[in-house]
Amino acid sequence: MASRYAFVVYKLMAQLFDIEFLEVPDRDFYPDLEGMLAAIRPDTRLVFLANPNNPTGTRIPNHDLDHFIQRVPETALVVLDEAYYEFLEEAPPSLDWIRQGRRVVAMRTFSKIQGLAGLRIGYGFADPEIIEILQRCRQPFNINALAQAAALAGLADEEHMARTRQITQQGREKLNRFFAELHLRQLPSEANFIMVHVGQADVFFKALLQRGVIIRSMTSYGLPEWIRVSIGTPEEMLKFEREFLNVLHDHPVRH
């Protein structure tokens, strides 16, 4: 189970392994936690929640997430996708929940704040019994030595993470103001990207690509009027704003 606009790979993996996938409609781009609880069946085994969510950038307040986890039946496991965990102010105490014996798995990655996306390495936290099962069924040699060395260095490099967090926060606030001045609807994001309504996602994607700027069209998520813009360096964001205005001039957004 996952919400309607959750990370699409959850659904793809379920289809790949021929497992039934329950998709619960969102409430204005936020997971409908009450709706998900109501939809859980006796045979529901995995409930995925990304927090902050990809691609919307929205987050679940800690209190609401705690209350949700408490009410999920013991027969189901809550999998918290925390890929953007380090960008959060007052992040949820997911490790404490696991230590308390709750049915929770927390997954994190080095692809975001550490910038190691090309090495394809992440990590997770869970009860030892669950870890043992994962250890038994994982592919052999699924992580190489170079990725492991980089991951350990990334964990220790607190200065880099702090600077990345600062650049991201400043860039996100600036991009918020930019879209607001253009009267474009944007979602409140606590990740390193912003989702914004432009009316013609694929048109904007192709036009910006021709100008040397890569954004993400949300058409594959069933949102053909929305794009997702990642936060880059100040210089990259200035280029984005300049080229976005040129594309917007040719393709005005109709409200």
C-alpha atoms as a PDB file:
ATOM      1  CA  MET A   1       0.000   0.000   0.000  1.00  0.00           C
ATOM      2  CA  ALA A   2       1.036   3.580  -0.708  1.00  0.00           C
ATOM      3  CA  SER A   3      -0.599   6.928  -1.372  1.00  0.00           C
ATOM      4  CA  ARG A   4      -1.575   8.030  -4.882  1.00  0.00           C
ATOM      5  CA  TYR A   5       1.371  10.365  -5.467  1.00  0.00           C
ATOM      6  CA  ALA A   6       4.026   8.374  -3.644  1.00  0.00           C
ATOM      7  CA  PHE A   7       7.336   7.357  -5.224  1.00  0.00           C
ATOM      8  CA  VAL A   8       6.336   5.371  -8.312  1.00  0.00           C
ATOM      9  CA  VAL A   9       8.939   2.613  -7.751  1.00  0.00           C
ATOM     10  CA  TYR A  10       6.814   1.098  -4.944  1.00  0.00           C
ATOM     11  CA  LYS A  11       4.085   0.316  -7.454  1.00  0.00           C
ATOM     12  CA  LEU A  12       6.535  -0.828 -10.135  1.00  0.00           C
ATOM     13  CA  MET A  13       8.208  -3.293  -7.762  1.00  0.00           C
ATOM     14  CA  ALA A  14       4.847  -4.710  -6.717  1.00  0.00           C
ATOM     15  CA  GLN A  15       3.935  -5.219 -10.377  1.00  0.00           C
ATOM     16  CA  LEU A  16       7.328  -6.798 -11.094  1.00  0.00           C
ATOM     17  CA  PHE A  17       6.775  -9.414  -8.385  1.00  0.00           C
ATOM     18  CA  ASP A  18       3.056  -9.817  -9.198  1.00  0.00           C
ATOM     19  CA  ILE A  19       1.947  -8.515  -5.795  1.00  0.00           C
ATOM     20  CA  GLU A  20      -1.355  -6.678  -5.393  1.00  0.00           C
ATOM     21  CA  PHE A  21      -0.797  -2.953  -4.834  1.00  0.00           C
ATOM     22  CA  LEU A  22      -3.303  -0.778  -2.963  1.00  0.00           C
ATOM     23  CA  GLU A  23      -3.186   2.895  -3.962  1.00  0.00           C
ATOM     24  CA  VAL A  24      -4.988   5.328  -1.653  1.00  0.00           C
ATOM     25  CA  PRO A  25      -5.989   8.778  -3.022  1.00  0.00           C
ATOM     26  CA  ASP A  26      -4.147  11.760  -1.564  1.00  0.00           C
ATOM     27  CA  ARG A  27      -5.726  14.765   0.110  1.00  0.00           C
ATOM     28  CA  ASP A  28      -4.441  17.796  -1.773  1.00  0.00           C
ATOM     29  CA  PHE A  29      -1.050  16.114  -2.373  1.00  0.00           C
ATOM     30  CA  TYR A  30      -0.706  14.897   1.230  1.00  0.00           C
ATOM     31  CA  PRO A  31      -1.069  11.206   2.165  1.00  0.00           C
ATOM     32  CA  ASP A  32      -4.542  10.530   3.539  1.00  0.00           C
ATOM     33  CA  LEU A  33      -3.506   8.665   6.676  1.00  0.00           C
ATOM     34  CA  GLU A  34      -7.073   7.989   7.794  1.00  0.00           C
ATOM     35  CA  GLY A  35      -7.911   6.706   4.332  1.00  0.00           C
ATOM     36  CA  MET A  36      -4.889   4.423   4.376  1.00  0.00           C
ATOM     37  CA  LEU A  37      -5.835   3.012   7.780  1.00  0.00           C
ATOM     38  CA  ALA A  38      -9.350   2.324   6.535  1.00  0.00           C
ATOM     39  CA  ALA A  39      -7.986   0.602   3.408  1.00  0.00           C
ATOM     40  CA  ILE A  40      -5.621  -1.791   5.231  1.00  0.00           C
ATOM     41  CA  ARG A  41      -6.841  -5.364   4.812  1.00  0.00           C
ATOM     42  CA  PRO A  42      -5.969  -8.521   6.785  1.00  0.00           C
ATOM     43  CA  ASP A  43      -3.586  -9.496   3.959  1.00  0.00           C
ATOM     44  CA  THR A  44      -1.864  -6.087   3.710  1.00  0.00           C
ATOM     45  CA  ARG A  45       1.785  -6.620   4.623  1.00  0.00           C
ATOM     46  CA  LEU A  46       3.715  -3.473   3.608  1.00  0.00           C
ATOM     47  CA  VAL A  47       2.655   0.163   3.963  1.00  0.00           C
ATOM     48  CA  PHE A  48       5.050   2.633   2.310  1.00  0.00           C
ATOM     49  CA  LEU A  49       5.279   6.264   3.387  1.00  0.00           C
ATOM     50  CA  ALA A  50       7.871   8.685   2.018  1.00  0.00           C
ATOM     51  CA  ASN A  51       8.483  11.610   4.346  1.00  0.00           C
ATOM     52  CA  PRO A  52       9.135  14.140   2.849  1.00  0.00           C
ATOM     53  CA  ASN A  53       7.316  12.686  -0.112  1.00  0.00           C
ATOM     54  CA  ASN A  54       8.779  12.329  -3.597  1.00  0.00           C
ATOM     55  CA  PRO A  55       7.655  13.932  -5.911  1.00  0.00           C
ATOM     56  CA  THR A  56       5.426  16.381  -3.994  1.00  0.00           C
ATOM     57  CA  GLY A  57       7.913  17.450  -1.300  1.00  0.00           C
ATOM     58  CA  THR A  58       5.165  17.533   1.336  1.00  0.00           C
ATOM     59  CA  ARG A  59       5.791  16.076   4.804  1.00  0.00           C
ATOM     60  CA  ILE A  60       3.696  14.386   7.461  1.00  0.00           C
ATOM     61  CA  PRO A  61       3.853  16.144  10.862  1.00  0.00           C
ATOM     62  CA  ASN A  62       5.615  14.005  13.472  1.00  0.00           C
ATOM     63  CA  HIS A  63       2.534  13.784  15.703  1.00  0.00           C
ATOM     64  CA  ASP A  64       0.325  12.585  12.844  1.00  0.00           C
ATOM     65  CA  LEU A  65       2.913  10.028  11.734  1.00  0.00           C
ATOM     66  CA  ASP A  66       3.318   8.722  15.283  1.00  0.00           C
ATOM     67  CA  HIS A  67      -0.461   8.410  15.679  1.00  0.00           C
ATOM     68  CA  PHE A  68      -0.709   6.577  12.350  1.00  0.00           C
ATOM     69  CA  ILE A  69       2.024   4.056  13.196  1.00  0.00           C
ATOM     70  CA  GLN A  70       0.371   3.299  16.539  1.00  0.00           C
ATOM     71  CA  ARG A  71      -2.874   2.328  14.791  1.00  0.00           C
ATOM     72  CA  VAL A  72      -1.482   0.210  11.951  1.00  0.00           C
ATOM     73  CA  PRO A  73      -2.352  -3.462  12.614  1.00  0.00           C
ATOM     74  CA  GLU A  74       0.438  -5.757  13.810  1.00  0.00           C
ATOM     75  CA  THR A  75       0.051  -7.780  10.617  1.00  0.00           C
ATOM     76  CA  ALA A  76       1.438  -4.901   8.515  1.00  0.00           C
ATOM     77  CA  LEU A  77       4.895  -3.346   8.418  1.00  0.00           C
ATOM     78  CA  VAL A  78       5.287   0.427   7.977  1.00  0.00           C
ATOM     79  CA  VAL A  79       8.212   1.251   5.678  1.00  0.00           C
ATOM     80  CA  LEU A  80       9.362   4.858   6.089  1.00  0.00           C
ATOM     81  CA  ASP A  81      11.219   6.133   3.032  1.00  0.00           C
ATOM     82  CA  GLU A  82      13.470   8.817   4.518  1.00  0.00           C
ATOM     83  CA  ALA A  83      15.533   9.690   1.438  1.00  0.00           C
ATOM     84  CA  TYR A  84      15.192  13.403   2.269  1.00  0.00           C
ATOM     85  CA  TYR A  85      15.394  12.956   6.041  1.00  0.00           C
ATOM     86  CA  GLU A  86      18.443  15.222   6.467  1.00  0.00           C
ATOM     87  CA  PHE A  87      16.643  18.225   4.972  1.00  0.00           C
ATOM     88  CA  LEU A  88      13.924  18.194   7.640  1.00  0.00           C
ATOM     89  CA  GLU A  89      13.613  20.556  10.549  1.00  0.00           C
ATOM     90  CA  GLU A  90      12.651  18.459  13.601  1.00  0.00           C
ATOM     91  CA  ALA A  91      12.842  15.113  11.818  1.00  0.00           C
ATOM     92  CA  PRO A  92      10.649  12.277  13.128  1.00  0.00           C
ATOM     93  CA  PRO A  93      12.182   9.961  15.787  1.00  0.00           C
ATOM     94  CA  SER A  94      12.032   6.891  13.561  1.00  0.00           C
ATOM     95  CA  LEU A  95      14.980   5.179  15.272  1.00  0.00           C
ATOM     96  CA  ASP A  96      13.279   5.559  18.649  1.00  0.00           C
ATOM     97  CA  TRP A  97      10.145   3.952  17.252  1.00  0.00           C
ATOM     98  CA  ILE A  98      12.180   0.973  16.045  1.00  0.00           C
ATOM     99  CA  ARG A  99      13.939   0.649  19.409  1.00  0.00           C
ATOM    100  CA  GLN A 100      10.515   0.682  21.069  1.00  0.00           C
ATOM    101  CA  GLY A 101       9.613  -2.422  19.089  1.00  0.00           C
ATOM    102  CA  ARG A 102       7.171  -0.829  16.669  1.00  0.00           C
ATOM    103  CA  ARG A 103       6.616  -2.501  13.300  1.00  0.00           C
ATOM    104  CA  VAL A 104       8.678   0.081  11.400  1.00  0.00           C
ATOM    105  CA  VAL A 105      11.532   0.001   8.879  1.00  0.00           C
ATOM    106  CA  ALA A 106      13.365   3.247   8.048  1.00  0.00           C
ATOM    107  CA  MET A 107      15.218   3.555   4.733  1.00  0.00           C
ATOM    108  CA  ARG A 108      17.760   6.267   3.918  1.00  0.00           C
ATOM    109  CA  THR A 109      20.146   7.055   1.081  1.00  0.00           C
ATOM    110  CA  PHE A 110      23.463   8.703   0.281  1.00  0.00           C
ATOM    111  CA  SER A 111      22.064   9.961  -3.030  1.00  0.00           C
ATOM    112  CA  LYS A 112      20.630  13.231  -1.726  1.00  0.00           C
ATOM    113  CA  ILE A 113      22.398  15.353   0.891  1.00  0.00           C
ATOM    114  CA  GLN A 114      25.751  13.537   0.502  1.00  0.00           C
ATOM    115  CA  GLY A 115      25.547  13.751  -3.310  1.00  0.00           C
ATOM    116  CA  LEU A 116      26.586  10.130  -3.967  1.00  0.00           C
ATOM    117  CA  ALA A 117      23.722   9.214  -6.323  1.00  0.00           C
ATOM    118  CA  GLY A 118      25.972   7.528  -8.888  1.00  0.00           C
ATOM    119  CA  LEU A 119      27.234   4.998  -6.336  1.00  0.00           C
ATOM    120  CA  ARG A 120      23.724   3.641  -5.664  1.00  0.00           C
ATOM    121  CA  ILE A 121      24.092   3.043  -1.952  1.00  0.00           C
ATOM    122  CA  GLY A 122      21.690   3.439   0.943  1.00  0.00           C
ATOM    123  CA  TYR A 123      20.972   1.950   4.343  1.00  0.00           C
ATOM    124  CA  GLY A 124      18.127   1.034   6.614  1.00  0.00           C
ATOM    125  CA  PHE A 125      17.082   0.506  10.218  1.00  0.00           C
ATOM    126  CA  ALA A 126      14.809  -2.256  11.481  1.00  0.00           C
ATOM    127  CA  ASP A 127      14.303  -4.883  14.153  1.00  0.00           C
ATOM    128  CA  PRO A 128      17.140  -7.484  14.037  1.00  0.00           C
ATOM    129  CA  GLU A 129      14.656 -10.191  13.020  1.00  0.00           C
ATOM    130  CA  ILE A 130      13.637  -8.199   9.938  1.00  0.00           C
ATOM    131  CA  ILE A 131      17.270  -7.399   9.111  1.00  0.00           C
ATOM    132  CA  GLU A 132      18.088 -11.115   9.248  1.00  0.00           C
ATOM    133  CA  ILE A 133      15.359 -11.885   6.702  1.00  0.00           C
ATOM    134  CA  LEU A 134      16.595  -9.113   4.390  1.00  0.00           C
ATOM    135  CA  GLN A 135      20.146 -10.423   4.740  1.00  0.00           C
ATOM    136  CA  ARG A 136      19.005 -13.873   3.640  1.00  0.00           C
ATOM    137  CA  CYS A 137      17.219 -12.715   0.492  1.00  0.00           C
ATOM    138  CA  ARG A 138      19.441  -9.846  -0.692  1.00  0.00           C
ATOM    139  CA  GLN A 139      21.557 -10.250  -3.803  1.00  0.00           C
ATOM    140  CA  PRO A 140      25.190 -11.207  -3.156  1.00  0.00           C
ATOM    141  CA  PHE A 141      27.757  -8.462  -3.769  1.00  0.00           C
ATOM    142  CA  ASN A 142      24.974  -5.853  -3.932  1.00  0.00           C
ATOM    143  CA  ILE A 143      27.299  -3.101  -2.628  1.00  0.00           C
ATOM    144  CA  ASN A 144      30.826  -2.544  -3.895  1.00  0.00           C
ATOM    145  CA  ALA A 145      33.867  -1.488  -1.851  1.00  0.00           C
ATOM    146  CA  LEU A 146      34.123   1.972  -3.429  1.00  0.00           C
ATOM    147  CA  ALA A 147      30.512   2.798  -2.550  1.00  0.00           C
ATOM    148  CA  GLN A 148      31.022   1.603   1.028  1.00  0.00           C
ATOM    149  CA  ALA A 149      34.144   3.749   1.459  1.00  0.00           C
ATOM    150  CA  ALA A 150      32.353   6.800   0.064  1.00  0.00           C
ATOM    151  CA  ALA A 151      29.326   6.167   2.292  1.00  0.00           C
ATOM    152  CA  LEU A 152      31.438   6.068   5.457  1.00  0.00           C
ATOM    153  CA  ALA A 153      33.208   9.262   4.406  1.00  0.00           C
ATOM    154  CA  GLY A 154      29.836  10.862   3.653  1.00  0.00           C
ATOM    155  CA  LEU A 155      28.495  10.044   7.110  1.00  0.00           C
ATOM    156  CA  ALA A 156      31.528  11.684   8.701  1.00  0.00           C
ATOM    157  CA  ASP A 157      31.459  14.816   6.549  1.00  0.00           C
ATOM    158  CA  GLU A 158      29.077  16.881   8.657  1.00  0.00           C
ATOM    159  CA  GLU A 159      30.424  20.143   7.221  1.00  0.00           C
ATOM    160  CA  HIS A 160      29.417  19.151   3.687  1.00  0.00           C
ATOM    161  CA  MET A 161      25.948  18.107   4.812  1.00  0.00           C
ATOM    162  CA  ALA A 162      25.436  21.341   6.744  1.00  0.00           C
ATOM    163  CA  ARG A 163      26.488  23.414   3.740  1.00  0.00           C
ATOM    164  CA  THR A 164      24.265  21.424   1.384  1.00  0.00           C
ATOM    165  CA  ARG A 165      21.334  21.878   3.757  1.00  0.00           C
ATOM    166  CA  GLN A 166      21.962  25.632   3.917  1.00  0.00           C
ATOM    167  CA  ILE A 167      22.298  26.041   0.132  1.00  0.00           C
ATOM    168  CA  THR A 168      19.158  23.977  -0.382  1.00  0.00           C
ATOM    169  CA  GLN A 169      17.112  25.940   2.137  1.00  0.00           C
ATOM    170  CA  GLN A 170      18.196  29.301   0.726  1.00  0.00           C
ATOM    171  CA  GLY A 171      17.631  28.139  -2.847  1.00  0.00           C
ATOM    172  CA  ARG A 172      14.207  26.738  -2.005  1.00  0.00           C
ATOM    173  CA  GLU A 173      13.111  29.981  -0.332  1.00  0.00           C
ATOM    174  CA  LYS A 174      14.315  31.991  -3.331  1.00  0.00           C
ATOM    175  CA  LEU A 175      12.519  29.683  -5.759  1.00  0.00           C
ATOM    176  CA  ASN A 176       9.361  29.937  -3.616  1.00  0.00           C
ATOM    177  CA  ARG A 177       9.451  33.719  -4.019  1.00  0.00           C
ATOM    178  CA  PHE A 178      10.154  33.434  -7.748  1.00  0.00           C
ATOM    179  CA  PHE A 179       7.118  31.235  -8.396  1.00  0.00           C
ATOM    180  CA  ALA A 180       4.947  33.300  -6.034  1.00  0.00           C
ATOM    181  CA  GLU A 181       5.770  36.490  -7.947  1.00  0.00           C
ATOM    182  CA  LEU A 182       4.669  34.725 -11.136  1.00  0.00           C
ATOM    183  CA  HIS A 183       1.408  33.673  -9.398  1.00  0.00           C
ATOM    184  CA  LEU A 184       2.107  29.985 -10.035  1.00  0.00           C
ATOM    185  CA  ARG A 185       0.742  27.351  -7.688  1.00  0.00           C
ATOM    186  CA  GLN A 186       3.476  25.480  -5.875  1.00  0.00           C
ATOM    187  CA  LEU A 187       3.391  22.851  -3.161  1.00  0.00           C
ATOM    188  CA  PRO A 188       4.976  23.459   0.263  1.00  0.00           C
ATOM    189  CA  SER A 189       8.181  21.432   0.073  1.00  0.00           C
ATOM    190  CA  GLU A 190      10.597  20.299   2.763  1.00  0.00           C
ATOM    191  CA  ALA A 191      12.811  18.370   0.352  1.00  0.00           C
ATOM    192  CA  ASN A 192      15.437  19.611  -2.121  1.00  0.00           C
ATOM    193  CA  PHE A 193      12.909  20.318  -4.885  1.00  0.00           C
ATOM    194  CA  ILE A 194       9.638  22.135  -5.532  1.00  0.00           C
ATOM    195  CA  MET A 195       6.639  20.936  -7.526  1.00  0.00           C
ATOM    196  CA  VAL A 196       4.929  23.724  -9.461  1.00  0.00           C
ATOM    197  CA  HIS A 197       1.908  23.980 -11.764  1.00  0.00           C
ATOM    198  CA  VAL A 198       2.801  25.148 -15.290  1.00  0.00           C
ATOM    199  CA  GLY A 199      -0.122  23.796 -17.314  1.00  0.00           C
ATOM    200  CA  GLN A 200       1.950  21.866 -19.896  1.00  0.00           C
ATOM    201  CA  ALA A 201       4.597  19.781 -18.148  1.00  0.00           C
ATOM    202  CA  ASP A 202       6.022  18.022 -21.209  1.00  0.00           C
ATOM    203  CA  VAL A 203       6.197  21.282 -23.171  1.00  0.00           C
ATOM    204  CA  PHE A 204       8.168  22.959 -20.377  1.00  0.00           C
ATOM    205  CA  PHE A 205      10.411  19.909 -19.976  1.00  0.00           C
ATOM    206  CA  LYS A 206      11.373  19.808 -23.654  1.00  0.00           C
ATOM    207  CA  ALA A 207      11.763  23.570 -24.001  1.00  0.00           C
ATOM    208  CA  LEU A 208      13.977  23.849 -20.926  1.00  0.00           C
ATOM    209  CA  LEU A 209      16.012  20.818 -22.003  1.00  0.00           C
ATOM    210  CA  GLN A 210      16.804  22.565 -25.289  1.00  0.00           C
ATOM    211  CA  ARG A 211      18.080  25.490 -23.227  1.00  0.00           C
ATOM    212  CA  GLY A 212      20.372  23.313 -21.123  1.00  0.00           C
ATOM    213  CA  VAL A 213      18.119  22.975 -18.060  1.00  0.00           C
ATOM    214  CA  ILE A 214      16.789  19.622 -16.861  1.00  0.00           C
ATOM    215  CA  ILE A 215      13.611  19.522 -14.767  1.00  0.00           C
ATOM    216  CA  ARG A 216      11.166  16.653 -14.200  1.00  0.00           C
ATOM    217  CA  SER A 217       7.793  16.378 -15.898  1.00  0.00           C
ATOM    218  CA  MET A 218       5.150  14.863 -13.631  1.00  0.00           C
ATOM    219  CA  THR A 219       3.168  13.364 -16.521  1.00  0.00           C
ATOM    220  CA  SER A 220       4.256   9.835 -15.568  1.00  0.00           C
ATOM    221  CA  TYR A 221       2.622  10.411 -12.154  1.00  0.00           C
ATOM    222  CA  GLY A 222      -0.677  11.372 -13.772  1.00  0.00           C
ATOM    223  CA  LEU A 223       0.036  15.087 -13.263  1.00  0.00           C
ATOM    224  CA  PRO A 224       0.567  16.414 -16.819  1.00  0.00           C
ATOM    225  CA  GLU A 225       0.278  20.049 -15.678  1.00  0.00           C
ATOM    226  CA  TRP A 226       3.040  19.897 -13.042  1.00  0.00           C
ATOM    227  CA  ILE A 227       6.838  19.901 -13.067  1.00  0.00           C
ATOM    228  CA  ARG A 228       9.387  19.248 -10.311  1.00  0.00           C
ATOM    229  CA  VAL A 229      12.408  21.544 -10.005  1.00  0.00           C
ATOM    230  CA  SER A 230      15.450  20.471  -7.972  1.00  0.00           C
ATOM    231  CA  ILE A 231      17.459  23.038  -6.028  1.00  0.00           C
ATOM    232  CA  GLY A 232      20.984  23.525  -7.391  1.00  0.00           C
ATOM    233  CA  THR A 233      23.778  25.995  -6.769  1.00  0.00           C
ATOM    234  CA  PRO A 234      22.935  29.742  -6.805  1.00  0.00           C
ATOM    235  CA  GLU A 235      24.411  29.994 -10.307  1.00  0.00           C
ATOM    236  CA  GLU A 236      22.328  27.072 -11.556  1.00  0.00           C
ATOM    237  CA  MET A 237      19.164  28.540 -10.068  1.00  0.00           C
ATOM    238  CA  LEU A 238      19.789  31.904 -11.747  1.00  0.00           C
ATOM    239  CA  LYS A 239      20.078  30.111 -15.071  1.00  0.00           C
ATOM    240  CA  PHE A 240      16.871  28.214 -14.371  1.00  0.00           C
ATOM    241  CA  GLU A 241      14.961  31.412 -13.571  1.00  0.00           C
ATOM    242  CA  ARG A 242      16.218  33.112 -16.720  1.00  0.00           C
ATOM    243  CA  GLU A 243      15.375  30.212 -19.033  1.00  0.00           C
ATOM    244  CA  PHE A 244      12.072  29.495 -17.277  1.00  0.00           C
ATOM    245  CA  LEU A 245      10.932  33.071 -17.934  1.00  0.00           C
ATOM    246  CA  ASN A 246      11.805  32.666 -21.622  1.00  0.00           C
ATOM    247  CA  VAL A 247       9.766  29.450 -21.842  1.00  0.00           C
ATOM    248  CA  LEU A 248       6.923  30.992 -19.844  1.00  0.00           C
ATOM    249  CA  HIS A 249       6.801  33.887 -22.310  1.00  0.00           C
ATOM    250  CA  ASP A 250       6.248  31.413 -25.164  1.00  0.00           C
ATOM    251  CA  HIS A 251       3.870  29.174 -23.181  1.00  0.00           C
ATOM    252  CA  PRO A 252       1.837  31.279 -20.713  1.00  0.00           C
ATOM    253  CA  VAL A 253       0.163  29.412 -17.865  1.00  0.00           C
ATOM    254  CA  ARG A 254      -3.631  29.620 -17.897  1.00  0.00           C
ATOM    255  CA  HIS A 255      -5.054  29.700 -14.369  1.00  0.00           C
END
